[in-house]
Amino acid sequence: MGIHYDYKSTKSAKLMEKQAKREKKLAEKKAKRLAKEGTKKEDSKVPALDASKPITLDFLTNPNKE
């Protein structure tokens, strides 16, 4: 019977620990995701092709692109 008494008396503490652990895990995931998105946004600054210029074979095969 001692195990049941122990379970009830520590139930709230265990639930609070679980919730704290869950919140910590979510915060770490969010920080990791934000860090990943920040680097992705910086890399995506590659200039797009100009729609007014035609795409030529020379432009596609030129190894010394700008």
C-alpha atoms as a PDB file:
ATOM      1  CA  MET A   1       0.000   0.000   0.000  1.00  0.00           C
ATOM      2  CA  GLY A   2       2.967   2.319   0.463  1.00  0.00           C
ATOM      3  CA  ILE A   3       3.488   2.599  -3.288  1.00  0.00           C
ATOM      4  CA  HIS A   4       0.004   4.074  -3.817  1.00  0.00           C
ATOM      5  CA  TYR A   5       0.524   6.648  -1.125  1.00  0.00           C
ATOM      6  CA  ASP A   6       3.839   7.620  -2.699  1.00  0.00           C
ATOM      7  CA  TYR A   7       2.296   7.901  -6.186  1.00  0.00           C
ATOM      8  CA  LYS A   8      -0.444  10.287  -5.108  1.00  0.00           C
ATOM      9  CA  SER A   9       1.844  12.463  -3.053  1.00  0.00           C
ATOM     10  CA  THR A  10       4.377  12.906  -5.895  1.00  0.00           C
ATOM     11  CA  LYS A  11       1.942  13.019  -8.835  1.00  0.00           C
ATOM     12  CA  SER A  12       1.775  16.813  -9.084  1.00  0.00           C
ATOM     13  CA  ALA A  13       5.543  17.183  -8.856  1.00  0.00           C
ATOM     14  CA  LYS A  14       6.046  14.616 -11.621  1.00  0.00           C
ATOM     15  CA  LEU A  15       3.478  16.354 -13.832  1.00  0.00           C
ATOM     16  CA  MET A  16       5.209  19.693 -13.335  1.00  0.00           C
ATOM     17  CA  GLU A  17       8.564  18.132 -14.242  1.00  0.00           C
ATOM     18  CA  LYS A  18       7.059  16.598 -17.386  1.00  0.00           C
ATOM     19  CA  GLN A  19       5.548  19.915 -18.440  1.00  0.00           C
ATOM     20  CA  ALA A  20       8.828  21.759 -17.835  1.00  0.00           C
ATOM     21  CA  LYS A  21      10.691  19.141 -19.861  1.00  0.00           C
ATOM     22  CA  ARG A  22       8.155  19.404 -22.698  1.00  0.00           C
ATOM     23  CA  GLU A  23       8.366  23.222 -22.755  1.00  0.00           C
ATOM     24  CA  LYS A  24      12.177  23.105 -22.740  1.00  0.00           C
ATOM     25  CA  LYS A  25      12.146  20.676 -25.662  1.00  0.00           C
ATOM     26  CA  LEU A  26       9.737  22.869 -27.632  1.00  0.00           C
ATOM     27  CA  ALA A  27      11.843  25.968 -26.944  1.00  0.00           C
ATOM     28  CA  GLU A  28      14.958  24.172 -28.198  1.00  0.00           C
ATOM     29  CA  LYS A  29      13.147  23.061 -31.359  1.00  0.00           C
ATOM     30  CA  LYS A  30      11.900  26.600 -31.969  1.00  0.00           C
ATOM     31  CA  ALA A  31      15.375  28.087 -31.492  1.00  0.00           C
ATOM     32  CA  LYS A  32      16.865  25.503 -33.833  1.00  0.00           C
ATOM     33  CA  ARG A  33      14.189  26.161 -36.455  1.00  0.00           C
ATOM     34  CA  LEU A  34      14.662  29.945 -36.240  1.00  0.00           C
ATOM     35  CA  ALA A  35      18.422  29.571 -36.573  1.00  0.00           C
ATOM     36  CA  LYS A  36      17.971  27.351 -39.594  1.00  0.00           C
ATOM     37  CA  GLU A  37      15.490  29.744 -41.239  1.00  0.00           C
ATOM     38  CA  GLY A  38      17.803  32.694 -40.630  1.00  0.00           C
ATOM     39  CA  THR A  39      20.645  31.095 -42.564  1.00  0.00           C
ATOM     40  CA  LYS A  40      18.315  29.985 -45.328  1.00  0.00           C
ATOM     41  CA  LYS A  41      17.012  33.527 -45.863  1.00  0.00           C
ATOM     42  CA  GLU A  42      20.546  34.878 -46.240  1.00  0.00           C
ATOM     43  CA  ASP A  43      21.449  32.233 -48.823  1.00  0.00           C
ATOM     44  CA  SER A  44      18.367  32.918 -50.921  1.00  0.00           C
ATOM     45  CA  LYS A  45      19.644  36.349 -52.028  1.00  0.00           C
ATOM     46  CA  VAL A  46      20.797  34.951 -55.384  1.00  0.00           C
ATOM     47  CA  PRO A  47      19.724  37.374 -58.114  1.00  0.00           C
ATOM     48  CA  ALA A  48      16.926  36.081 -60.304  1.00  0.00           C
ATOM     49  CA  LEU A  49      17.016  36.132 -64.086  1.00  0.00           C
ATOM     50  CA  ASP A  50      15.821  39.285 -65.764  1.00  0.00           C
ATOM     51  CA  ALA A  51      12.553  38.565 -67.563  1.00  0.00           C
ATOM     52  CA  SER A  52      13.203  41.226 -70.193  1.00  0.00           C
ATOM     53  CA  LYS A  53      16.392  39.531 -71.458  1.00  0.00           C
ATOM     54  CA  PRO A  54      16.144  36.420 -73.649  1.00  0.00           C
ATOM     55  CA  ILE A  55      17.896  33.255 -72.507  1.00  0.00           C
ATOM     56  CA  THR A  56      20.531  32.291 -75.072  1.00  0.00           C
ATOM     57  CA  LEU A  57      22.634  29.174 -75.490  1.00  0.00           C
ATOM     58  CA  ASP A  58      25.748  31.203 -74.765  1.00  0.00           C
ATOM     59  CA  PHE A  59      24.260  32.352 -71.450  1.00  0.00           C
ATOM     60  CA  LEU A  60      23.461  28.765 -70.453  1.00  0.00           C
ATOM     61  CA  THR A  61      26.846  27.269 -71.430  1.00  0.00           C
ATOM     62  CA  ASN A  62      29.172  30.112 -70.406  1.00  0.00           C
ATOM     63  CA  PRO A  63      31.488  28.825 -67.618  1.00  0.00           C
ATOM     64  CA  ASN A  64      32.443  32.376 -66.600  1.00  0.00           C
ATOM     65  CA  LYS A  65      29.037  33.489 -65.435  1.00  0.00           C
ATOM     66  CA  GLU A  66      28.675  36.734 -63.532  1.00  0.00           C
END
